[in-house]
Amino acid sequence: MAAINYYDVILKPVVTEKSMAGMGEKKYTFLVHPEANKTMIKEAVEKMFDGTKVKNVNTMNLDGKKKRRGLVYGRTAKSKKAIVTLTEDSKDIELFTGL
């Protein structure tokens, strides 16, 4: 396994109704690298977004969905999701402010 740099940890934000509702409580949802752990995610968020302090990180592994095309069955790719909670005195993440 190659070393994962902090800019490779966070792949993209998750923009759904549930994740947008959590922004009021300073909870932000990201798709992350499948081999990233909680400390790597915390470090990546604090380095990528200035003025943020991470309070808590919750992660979940998502299995790929079963898909069928004709008689052939297959699965979509697995993914990992992280819900990052910021401290009360932390700045908001500007990525989500315009949405």
PDB file of N, CA and C in Angstrom:
ATOM      1  N   MET A   1       0.842  -1.182   0.000  1.00  0.00           N
ATOM      2  CA  MET A   1       0.000   0.000   0.000  1.00  0.00           C
ATOM      3  C   MET A   1       0.882   1.239   0.000  1.00  0.00           C
ATOM      4  N   ALA A   2       0.627   2.136  -0.910  1.00  0.00           N
ATOM      5  CA  ALA A   2       1.372   3.387  -0.985  1.00  0.00           C
ATOM      6  C   ALA A   2       0.853   4.354   0.079  1.00  0.00           C
ATOM      7  N   ALA A   3       1.690   5.294   0.437  1.00  0.00           N
ATOM      8  CA  ALA A   3       1.284   6.289   1.428  1.00  0.00           C
ATOM      9  C   ALA A   3       0.205   7.197   0.834  1.00  0.00           C
ATOM     10  N   ILE A   4      -0.827   7.473   1.607  1.00  0.00           N
ATOM     11  CA  ILE A   4      -1.930   8.326   1.154  1.00  0.00           C
ATOM     12  C   ILE A   4      -1.673   9.732   1.682  1.00  0.00           C
ATOM     13  N   ASN A   5      -1.575  10.707   0.780  1.00  0.00           N
ATOM     14  CA  ASN A   5      -1.384  12.094   1.176  1.00  0.00           C
ATOM     15  C   ASN A   5      -2.723  12.705   1.582  1.00  0.00           C
ATOM     16  N   TYR A   6      -2.660  13.815   2.315  1.00  0.00           N
ATOM     17  CA  TYR A   6      -3.895  14.396   2.850  1.00  0.00           C
ATOM     18  C   TYR A   6      -4.826  14.868   1.742  1.00  0.00           C
ATOM     19  N   TYR A   7      -4.303  15.287   0.596  1.00  0.00           N
ATOM     20  CA  TYR A   7      -5.173  15.746  -0.479  1.00  0.00           C
ATOM     21  C   TYR A   7      -5.778  14.588  -1.263  1.00  0.00           C
ATOM     22  N   ASP A   8      -5.344  13.351  -1.015  1.00  0.00           N
ATOM     23  CA  ASP A   8      -5.944  12.175  -1.642  1.00  0.00           C
ATOM     24  C   ASP A   8      -7.024  11.547  -0.761  1.00  0.00           C
ATOM     25  N   VAL A   9      -7.144  11.978   0.480  1.00  0.00           N
ATOM     26  CA  VAL A   9      -8.070  11.354   1.429  1.00  0.00           C
ATOM     27  C   VAL A   9      -9.514  11.718   1.098  1.00  0.00           C
ATOM     28  N   ILE A  10      -9.805  12.997   0.943  1.00  0.00           N
ATOM     29  CA  ILE A  10     -11.176  13.443   0.678  1.00  0.00           C
ATOM     30  C   ILE A  10     -11.396  13.455  -0.823  1.00  0.00           C
ATOM     31  N   LEU A  11     -12.353  12.652  -1.291  1.00  0.00           N
ATOM     32  CA  LEU A  11     -12.622  12.557  -2.721  1.00  0.00           C
ATOM     33  C   LEU A  11     -13.622  13.606  -3.185  1.00  0.00           C
ATOM     34  N   LYS A  12     -14.783  13.695  -2.518  1.00  0.00           N
ATOM     35  CA  LYS A  12     -15.779  14.696  -2.886  1.00  0.00           C
ATOM     36  C   LYS A  12     -16.801  14.817  -1.770  1.00  0.00           C
ATOM     37  N   PRO A  13     -17.497  15.965  -1.702  1.00  0.00           N
ATOM     38  CA  PRO A  13     -18.545  16.109  -0.692  1.00  0.00           C
ATOM     39  C   PRO A  13     -19.811  15.380  -1.127  1.00  0.00           C
ATOM     40  N   VAL A  14     -20.602  14.983  -0.152  1.00  0.00           N
ATOM     41  CA  VAL A  14     -21.896  14.351  -0.412  1.00  0.00           C
ATOM     42  C   VAL A  14     -22.958  15.428  -0.260  1.00  0.00           C
ATOM     43  N   VAL A  15     -23.720  15.656  -1.328  1.00  0.00           N
ATOM     44  CA  VAL A  15     -24.738  16.702  -1.312  1.00  0.00           C
ATOM     45  C   VAL A  15     -26.102  16.028  -1.430  1.00  0.00           C
ATOM     46  N   THR A  16     -26.735  15.799  -0.282  1.00  0.00           N
ATOM     47  CA  THR A  16     -28.076  15.236  -0.222  1.00  0.00           C
ATOM     48  C   THR A  16     -28.884  16.070   0.765  1.00  0.00           C
ATOM     49  N   GLU A  17     -30.180  15.823   0.835  1.00  0.00           N
ATOM     50  CA  GLU A  17     -31.015  16.565   1.779  1.00  0.00           C
ATOM     51  C   GLU A  17     -30.585  16.309   3.213  1.00  0.00           C
ATOM     52  N   LYS A  18     -30.260  15.077   3.530  1.00  0.00           N
ATOM     53  CA  LYS A  18     -29.873  14.738   4.896  1.00  0.00           C
ATOM     54  C   LYS A  18     -28.532  15.368   5.266  1.00  0.00           C
ATOM     55  N   SER A  19     -27.575  15.353   4.337  1.00  0.00           N
ATOM     56  CA  SER A  19     -26.269  15.939   4.645  1.00  0.00           C
ATOM     57  C   SER A  19     -26.357  17.459   4.735  1.00  0.00           C
ATOM     58  N   MET A  20     -27.217  18.081   3.942  1.00  0.00           N
ATOM     59  CA  MET A  20     -27.373  19.529   4.010  1.00  0.00           C
ATOM     60  C   MET A  20     -28.080  19.946   5.300  1.00  0.00           C
ATOM     61  N   ALA A  21     -28.969  19.118   5.804  1.00  0.00           N
ATOM     62  CA  ALA A  21     -29.639  19.423   7.063  1.00  0.00           C
ATOM     63  C   ALA A  21     -28.658  19.356   8.235  1.00  0.00           C
ATOM     64  N   GLY A  22     -27.648  18.517   8.150  1.00  0.00           N
ATOM     65  CA  GLY A  22     -26.654  18.397   9.208  1.00  0.00           C
ATOM     66  C   GLY A  22     -25.689  19.553   9.279  1.00  0.00           C
ATOM     67  N   MET A  23     -25.656  20.393   8.248  1.00  0.00           N
ATOM     68  CA  MET A  23     -24.731  21.522   8.243  1.00  0.00           C
ATOM     69  C   MET A  23     -25.059  22.534   9.340  1.00  0.00           C
ATOM     70  N   GLY A  24     -26.305  22.623   9.750  1.00  0.00           N
ATOM     71  CA  GLY A  24     -26.668  23.527  10.839  1.00  0.00           C
ATOM     72  C   GLY A  24     -26.039  23.124  12.158  1.00  0.00           C
ATOM     73  N   GLU A  25     -25.746  21.843  12.302  1.00  0.00           N
ATOM     74  CA  GLU A  25     -25.081  21.324  13.505  1.00  0.00           C
ATOM     75  C   GLU A  25     -23.582  21.167  13.294  1.00  0.00           C
ATOM     76  N   LYS A  26     -23.059  21.773  12.204  1.00  0.00           N
ATOM     77  CA  LYS A  26     -21.641  21.699  11.828  1.00  0.00           C
ATOM     78  C   LYS A  26     -21.194  20.266  11.558  1.00  0.00           C
ATOM     79  N   LYS A  27     -22.040  19.507  10.870  1.00  0.00           N
ATOM     80  CA  LYS A  27     -21.698  18.151  10.435  1.00  0.00           C
ATOM     81  C   LYS A  27     -21.624  18.152   8.914  1.00  0.00           C
ATOM     82  N   TYR A  28     -20.488  17.734   8.380  1.00  0.00           N
ATOM     83  CA  TYR A  28     -20.250  17.732   6.952  1.00  0.00           C
ATOM     84  C   TYR A  28     -19.941  16.303   6.509  1.00  0.00           C
ATOM     85  N   THR A  29     -20.470  15.917   5.348  1.00  0.00           N
ATOM     86  CA  THR A  29     -20.339  14.554   4.860  1.00  0.00           C
ATOM     87  C   THR A  29     -19.469  14.539   3.607  1.00  0.00           C
ATOM     88  N   PHE A  30     -18.496  13.605   3.579  1.00  0.00           N
ATOM     89  CA  PHE A  30     -17.577  13.474   2.451  1.00  0.00           C
ATOM     90  C   PHE A  30     -17.449  12.008   2.050  1.00  0.00           C
ATOM     91  N   LEU A  31     -17.211  11.770   0.760  1.00  0.00           N
ATOM     92  CA  LEU A  31     -16.734  10.459   0.317  1.00  0.00           C
ATOM     93  C   LEU A  31     -15.222  10.491   0.460  1.00  0.00           C
ATOM     94  N   VAL A  32     -14.660   9.460   1.078  1.00  0.00           N
ATOM     95  CA  VAL A  32     -13.230   9.443   1.365  1.00  0.00           C
ATOM     96  C   VAL A  32     -12.587   8.205   0.755  1.00  0.00           C
ATOM     97  N   HIS A  33     -11.267   8.195   0.755  1.00  0.00           N
ATOM     98  CA  HIS A  33     -10.500   7.056   0.253  1.00  0.00           C
ATOM     99  C   HIS A  33     -10.836   5.819   1.092  1.00  0.00           C
ATOM    100  N   PRO A  34     -11.035   4.662   0.460  1.00  0.00           N
ATOM    101  CA  PRO A  34     -11.446   3.467   1.215  1.00  0.00           C
ATOM    102  C   PRO A  34     -10.445   3.004   2.281  1.00  0.00           C
ATOM    103  N   GLU A  35      -9.179   3.364   2.135  1.00  0.00           N
ATOM    104  CA  GLU A  35      -8.179   2.928   3.109  1.00  0.00           C
ATOM    105  C   GLU A  35      -7.849   3.999   4.141  1.00  0.00           C
ATOM    106  N   ALA A  36      -8.542   5.122   4.109  1.00  0.00           N
ATOM    107  CA  ALA A  36      -8.284   6.209   5.056  1.00  0.00           C
ATOM    108  C   ALA A  36      -8.921   5.885   6.399  1.00  0.00           C
ATOM    109  N   ASN A  37      -8.201   6.220   7.478  1.00  0.00           N
ATOM    110  CA  ASN A  37      -8.761   6.029   8.811  1.00  0.00           C
ATOM    111  C   ASN A  37      -9.198   7.383   9.377  1.00  0.00           C
ATOM    112  N   LYS A  38      -9.736   7.369  10.589  1.00  0.00           N
ATOM    113  CA  LYS A  38     -10.319   8.580  11.165  1.00  0.00           C
ATOM    114  C   LYS A  38      -9.287   9.679  11.395  1.00  0.00           C
ATOM    115  N   THR A  39      -8.090   9.315  11.828  1.00  0.00           N
ATOM    116  CA  THR A  39      -7.072  10.338  12.073  1.00  0.00           C
ATOM    117  C   THR A  39      -6.610  10.971  10.767  1.00  0.00           C
ATOM    118  N   MET A  40      -6.536  10.193   9.703  1.00  0.00           N
ATOM    119  CA  MET A  40      -6.155  10.746   8.400  1.00  0.00           C
ATOM    120  C   MET A  40      -7.229  11.705   7.890  1.00  0.00           C
ATOM    121  N   ILE A  41      -8.497  11.367   8.103  1.00  0.00           N
ATOM    122  CA  ILE A  41      -9.597  12.227   7.662  1.00  0.00           C
ATOM    123  C   ILE A  41      -9.593  13.528   8.449  1.00  0.00           C
ATOM    124  N   LYS A  42      -9.378  13.447   9.756  1.00  0.00           N
ATOM    125  CA  LYS A  42      -9.333  14.637  10.597  1.00  0.00           C
ATOM    126  C   LYS A  42      -8.199  15.561  10.160  1.00  0.00           C
ATOM    127  N   GLU A  43      -7.036  14.997   9.924  1.00  0.00           N
ATOM    128  CA  GLU A  43      -5.876  15.774   9.497  1.00  0.00           C
ATOM    129  C   GLU A  43      -6.122  16.424   8.137  1.00  0.00           C
ATOM    130  N   ALA A  44      -6.745  15.693   7.218  1.00  0.00           N
ATOM    131  CA  ALA A  44      -7.003  16.224   5.869  1.00  0.00           C
ATOM    132  C   ALA A  44      -7.977  17.394   5.910  1.00  0.00           C
ATOM    133  N   VAL A  45      -9.042  17.294   6.708  1.00  0.00           N
ATOM    134  CA  VAL A  45     -10.027  18.378   6.788  1.00  0.00           C
ATOM    135  C   VAL A  45      -9.393  19.621   7.392  1.00  0.00           C
ATOM    136  N   GLU A  46      -8.594  19.462   8.439  1.00  0.00           N
ATOM    137  CA  GLU A  46      -7.973  20.614   9.085  1.00  0.00           C
ATOM    138  C   GLU A  46      -6.927  21.276   8.192  1.00  0.00           C
ATOM    139  N   LYS A  47      -6.261  20.511   7.335  1.00  0.00           N
ATOM    140  CA  LYS A  47      -5.269  21.097   6.428  1.00  0.00           C
ATOM    141  C   LYS A  47      -5.919  21.719   5.192  1.00  0.00           C
ATOM    142  N   MET A  48      -6.969  21.109   4.675  1.00  0.00           N
ATOM    143  CA  MET A  48      -7.579  21.601   3.438  1.00  0.00           C
ATOM    144  C   MET A  48      -8.442  22.839   3.655  1.00  0.00           C
ATOM    145  N   PHE A  49      -9.109  22.931   4.787  1.00  0.00           N
ATOM    146  CA  PHE A  49     -10.011  24.042   5.064  1.00  0.00           C
ATOM    147  C   PHE A  49      -9.461  24.824   6.252  1.00  0.00           C
ATOM    148  N   ASP A  50      -8.986  26.036   5.992  1.00  0.00           N
ATOM    149  CA  ASP A  50      -8.346  26.851   7.029  1.00  0.00           C
ATOM    150  C   ASP A  50      -9.347  27.261   8.107  1.00  0.00           C
ATOM    151  N   GLY A  51      -8.893  27.239   9.354  1.00  0.00           N
ATOM    152  CA  GLY A  51      -9.711  27.681  10.478  1.00  0.00           C
ATOM    153  C   GLY A  51     -10.687  26.644  11.003  1.00  0.00           C
ATOM    154  N   THR A  52     -10.626  25.406  10.485  1.00  0.00           N
ATOM    155  CA  THR A  52     -11.534  24.367  10.965  1.00  0.00           C
ATOM    156  C   THR A  52     -10.845  23.532  12.031  1.00  0.00           C
ATOM    157  N   LYS A  53     -11.614  23.149  13.042  1.00  0.00           N
ATOM    158  CA  LYS A  53     -11.143  22.245  14.088  1.00  0.00           C
ATOM    159  C   LYS A  53     -12.140  21.103  14.177  1.00  0.00           C
ATOM    160  N   VAL A  54     -11.644  19.893  13.991  1.00  0.00           N
ATOM    161  CA  VAL A  54     -12.516  18.723  13.954  1.00  0.00           C
ATOM    162  C   VAL A  54     -12.731  18.205  15.367  1.00  0.00           C
ATOM    163  N   LYS A  55     -13.983  18.017  15.716  1.00  0.00           N
ATOM    164  CA  LYS A  55     -14.343  17.473  17.023  1.00  0.00           C
ATOM    165  C   LYS A  55     -14.459  15.954  16.965  1.00  0.00           C
ATOM    166  N   ASN A  56     -15.109  15.441  15.902  1.00  0.00           N
ATOM    167  CA  ASN A  56     -15.415  14.018  15.831  1.00  0.00           C
ATOM    168  C   ASN A  56     -15.491  13.599  14.367  1.00  0.00           C
ATOM    169  N   VAL A  57     -15.115  12.340  14.098  1.00  0.00           N
ATOM    170  CA  VAL A  57     -15.228  11.769  12.756  1.00  0.00           C
ATOM    171  C   VAL A  57     -15.917  10.413  12.877  1.00  0.00           C
ATOM    172  N   ASN A  58     -17.007  10.242  12.127  1.00  0.00           N
ATOM    173  CA  ASN A  58     -17.684   8.952  12.038  1.00  0.00           C
ATOM    174  C   ASN A  58     -17.534   8.444  10.608  1.00  0.00           C
ATOM    175  N   THR A  59     -17.183   7.168  10.458  1.00  0.00           N
ATOM    176  CA  THR A  59     -16.997   6.597   9.125  1.00  0.00           C
ATOM    177  C   THR A  59     -17.924   5.410   8.928  1.00  0.00           C
ATOM    178  N   MET A  60     -18.231   5.139   7.666  1.00  0.00           N
ATOM    179  CA  MET A  60     -19.021   3.954   7.331  1.00  0.00           C
ATOM    180  C   MET A  60     -18.581   3.443   5.968  1.00  0.00           C
ATOM    181  N   ASN A  61     -18.487   2.117   5.856  1.00  0.00           N
ATOM    182  CA  ASN A  61     -18.151   1.464   4.596  1.00  0.00           C
ATOM    183  C   ASN A  61     -19.444   1.116   3.877  1.00  0.00           C
ATOM    184  N   LEU A  62     -19.528   1.506   2.619  1.00  0.00           N
ATOM    185  CA  LEU A  62     -20.704   1.248   1.809  1.00  0.00           C
ATOM    186  C   LEU A  62     -20.371   0.170   0.789  1.00  0.00           C
ATOM    187  N   ASP A  63     -21.135  -0.910   0.784  1.00  0.00           N
ATOM    188  CA  ASP A  63     -20.946  -1.964  -0.198  1.00  0.00           C
ATOM    189  C   ASP A  63     -21.485  -1.515  -1.546  1.00  0.00           C
ATOM    190  N   GLY A  64     -20.946  -2.112  -2.598  1.00  0.00           N
ATOM    191  CA  GLY A  64     -21.438  -1.806  -3.931  1.00  0.00           C
ATOM    192  C   GLY A  64     -22.819  -2.401  -4.151  1.00  0.00           C
ATOM    193  N   LYS A  65     -23.614  -1.730  -4.970  1.00  0.00           N
ATOM    194  CA  LYS A  65     -24.964  -2.216  -5.259  1.00  0.00           C
ATOM    195  C   LYS A  65     -24.909  -3.293  -6.335  1.00  0.00           C
ATOM    196  N   LYS A  66     -25.824  -4.237  -6.239  1.00  0.00           N
ATOM    197  CA  LYS A  66     -25.915  -5.282  -7.246  1.00  0.00           C
ATOM    198  C   LYS A  66     -26.663  -4.738  -8.457  1.00  0.00           C
ATOM    199  N   LYS A  67     -26.052  -4.853  -9.619  1.00  0.00           N
ATOM    200  CA  LYS A  67     -26.650  -4.368 -10.859  1.00  0.00           C
ATOM    201  C   LYS A  67     -26.735  -5.518 -11.860  1.00  0.00           C
ATOM    202  N   ARG A  68     -27.667  -5.406 -12.802  1.00  0.00           N
ATOM    203  CA  ARG A  68     -27.831  -6.436 -13.807  1.00  0.00           C
ATOM    204  C   ARG A  68     -27.987  -5.780 -15.171  1.00  0.00           C
ATOM    205  N   ARG A  69     -27.306  -6.337 -16.146  1.00  0.00           N
ATOM    206  CA  ARG A  69     -27.462  -5.903 -17.526  1.00  0.00           C
ATOM    207  C   ARG A  69     -27.694  -7.152 -18.355  1.00  0.00           C
ATOM    208  N   GLY A  70     -28.925  -7.384 -18.713  1.00  0.00           N
ATOM    209  CA  GLY A  70     -29.272  -8.617 -19.411  1.00  0.00           C
ATOM    210  C   GLY A  70     -29.184  -9.782 -18.440  1.00  0.00           C
ATOM    211  N   LEU A  71     -28.419 -10.798 -18.797  1.00  0.00           N
ATOM    212  CA  LEU A  71     -28.249 -11.964 -17.938  1.00  0.00           C
ATOM    213  C   LEU A  71     -27.018 -11.870 -17.045  1.00  0.00           C
ATOM    214  N   VAL A  72     -26.256 -10.821 -17.199  1.00  0.00           N
ATOM    215  CA  VAL A  72     -24.999 -10.684 -16.476  1.00  0.00           C
ATOM    216  C   VAL A  72     -25.213  -9.858 -15.212  1.00  0.00           C
ATOM    217  N   TYR A  73     -24.797 -10.398 -14.077  1.00  0.00           N
ATOM    218  CA  TYR A  73     -24.868  -9.687 -12.797  1.00  0.00           C
ATOM    219  C   TYR A  73     -23.501  -9.119 -12.463  1.00  0.00           C
ATOM    220  N   GLY A  74     -23.498  -7.990 -11.804  1.00  0.00           N
ATOM    221  CA  GLY A  74     -22.253  -7.378 -11.365  1.00  0.00           C
ATOM    222  C   GLY A  74     -22.511  -6.486 -10.166  1.00  0.00           C
ATOM    223  N   ARG A  75     -21.465  -5.856  -9.682  1.00  0.00           N
ATOM    224  CA  ARG A  75     -21.582  -4.957  -8.536  1.00  0.00           C
ATOM    225  C   ARG A  75     -20.890  -3.645  -8.862  1.00  0.00           C
ATOM    226  N   THR A  76     -21.434  -2.559  -8.317  1.00  0.00           N
ATOM    227  CA  THR A  76     -20.771  -1.276  -8.440  1.00  0.00           C
ATOM    228  C   THR A  76     -19.642  -1.214  -7.410  1.00  0.00           C
ATOM    229  N   ALA A  77     -18.830  -0.211  -7.494  1.00  0.00           N
ATOM    230  CA  ALA A  77     -17.655  -0.106  -6.630  1.00  0.00           C
ATOM    231  C   ALA A  77     -18.054   0.173  -5.180  1.00  0.00           C
ATOM    232  N   LYS A  78     -17.248  -0.343  -4.245  1.00  0.00           N
ATOM    233  CA  LYS A  78     -17.423  -0.034  -2.827  1.00  0.00           C
ATOM    234  C   LYS A  78     -16.959   1.399  -2.581  1.00  0.00           C
ATOM    235  N   SER A  79     -17.437   1.990  -1.505  1.00  0.00           N
ATOM    236  CA  SER A  79     -17.006   3.336  -1.154  1.00  0.00           C
ATOM    237  C   SER A  79     -17.016   3.491   0.363  1.00  0.00           C
ATOM    238  N   LYS A  80     -16.451   4.594   0.817  1.00  0.00           N
ATOM    239  CA  LYS A  80     -16.395   4.893   2.246  1.00  0.00           C
ATOM    240  C   LYS A  80     -16.861   6.328   2.440  1.00  0.00           C
ATOM    241  N   LYS A  81     -17.702   6.529   3.451  1.00  0.00           N
ATOM    242  CA  LYS A  81     -18.268   7.842   3.721  1.00  0.00           C
ATOM    243  C   LYS A  81     -17.857   8.272   5.123  1.00  0.00           C
ATOM    244  N   ALA A  82     -17.581   9.564   5.282  1.00  0.00           N
ATOM    245  CA  ALA A  82     -17.197  10.104   6.587  1.00  0.00           C
ATOM    246  C   ALA A  82     -18.077  11.302   6.918  1.00  0.00           C
ATOM    247  N   ILE A  83     -18.558  11.337   8.169  1.00  0.00           N
ATOM    248  CA  ILE A  83     -19.308  12.480   8.676  1.00  0.00           C
ATOM    249  C   ILE A  83     -18.399  13.181   9.679  1.00  0.00           C
ATOM    250  N   VAL A  84     -18.021  14.407   9.349  1.00  0.00           N
ATOM    251  CA  VAL A  84     -17.069  15.177  10.150  1.00  0.00           C
ATOM    252  C   VAL A  84     -17.832  16.226  10.937  1.00  0.00           C
ATOM    253  N   THR A  85     -17.680  16.214  12.262  1.00  0.00           N
ATOM    254  CA  THR A  85     -18.298  17.203  13.134  1.00  0.00           C
ATOM    255  C   THR A  85     -17.237  18.202  13.558  1.00  0.00           C
ATOM    256  N   LEU A  86     -17.528  19.491  13.382  1.00  0.00           N
ATOM    257  CA  LEU A  86     -16.596  20.548  13.763  1.00  0.00           C
ATOM    258  C   LEU A  86     -16.928  21.073  15.152  1.00  0.00           C
ATOM    259  N   THR A  87     -15.945  21.689  15.808  1.00  0.00           N
ATOM    260  CA  THR A  87     -16.160  22.277  17.118  1.00  0.00           C
ATOM    261  C   THR A  87     -17.004  23.546  16.979  1.00  0.00           C
ATOM    262  N   GLU A  88     -17.525  24.040  18.105  1.00  0.00           N
ATOM    263  CA  GLU A  88     -18.393  25.214  18.093  1.00  0.00           C
ATOM    264  C   GLU A  88     -17.650  26.477  17.656  1.00  0.00           C
ATOM    265  N   ASP A  89     -16.369  26.622  18.052  1.00  0.00           N
ATOM    266  CA  ASP A  89     -15.628  27.830  17.706  1.00  0.00           C
ATOM    267  C   ASP A  89     -14.926  27.724  16.353  1.00  0.00           C
ATOM    268  N   SER A  90     -15.149  26.667  15.629  1.00  0.00           N
ATOM    269  CA  SER A  90     -14.522  26.450  14.335  1.00  0.00           C
ATOM    270  C   SER A  90     -15.244  27.232  13.243  1.00  0.00           C
ATOM    271  N   LYS A  91     -14.501  27.589  12.194  1.00  0.00           N
ATOM    272  CA  LYS A  91     -15.110  28.244  11.039  1.00  0.00           C
ATOM    273  C   LYS A  91     -15.871  27.215  10.215  1.00  0.00           C
ATOM    274  N   ASP A  92     -16.909  27.675   9.500  1.00  0.00           N
ATOM    275  CA  ASP A  92     -17.642  26.796   8.599  1.00  0.00           C
ATOM    276  C   ASP A  92     -16.793  26.501   7.363  1.00  0.00           C
ATOM    277  N   ILE A  93     -17.123  25.428   6.683  1.00  0.00           N
ATOM    278  CA  ILE A  93     -16.435  25.074   5.448  1.00  0.00           C
ATOM    279  C   ILE A  93     -17.104  25.844   4.320  1.00  0.00           C
ATOM    280  N   GLU A  94     -16.323  26.670   3.603  1.00  0.00           N
ATOM    281  CA  GLU A  94     -16.873  27.563   2.593  1.00  0.00           C
ATOM    282  C   GLU A  94     -17.392  26.808   1.376  1.00  0.00           C
ATOM    283  N   LEU A  95     -17.004  25.584   1.207  1.00  0.00           N
ATOM    284  CA  LEU A  95     -17.417  24.789   0.064  1.00  0.00           C
ATOM    285  C   LEU A  95     -18.929  24.634   0.018  1.00  0.00           C
ATOM    286  N   PHE A  96     -19.564  24.579   1.176  1.00  0.00           N
ATOM    287  CA  PHE A  96     -20.989  24.318   1.267  1.00  0.00           C
ATOM    288  C   PHE A  96     -21.830  25.582   1.408  1.00  0.00           C
ATOM    289  N   THR A  97     -21.242  26.761   1.551  1.00  0.00           N
ATOM    290  CA  THR A  97     -22.019  27.962   1.852  1.00  0.00           C
ATOM    291  C   THR A  97     -22.885  28.404   0.688  1.00  0.00           C
ATOM    292  N   GLY A  98     -22.468  28.188  -0.539  1.00  0.00           N
ATOM    293  CA  GLY A  98     -23.232  28.650  -1.693  1.00  0.00           C
ATOM    294  C   GLY A  98     -24.330  27.691  -2.113  1.00  0.00           C
ATOM    295  N   LEU A  99     -24.435  26.528  -1.497  1.00  0.00           N
ATOM    296  CA  LEU A  99     -25.415  25.535  -1.920  1.00  0.00           C
ATOM    297  C   LEU A  99     -26.747  25.724  -1.239  1.00  0.00           C
TER     298      LEU A  99
END
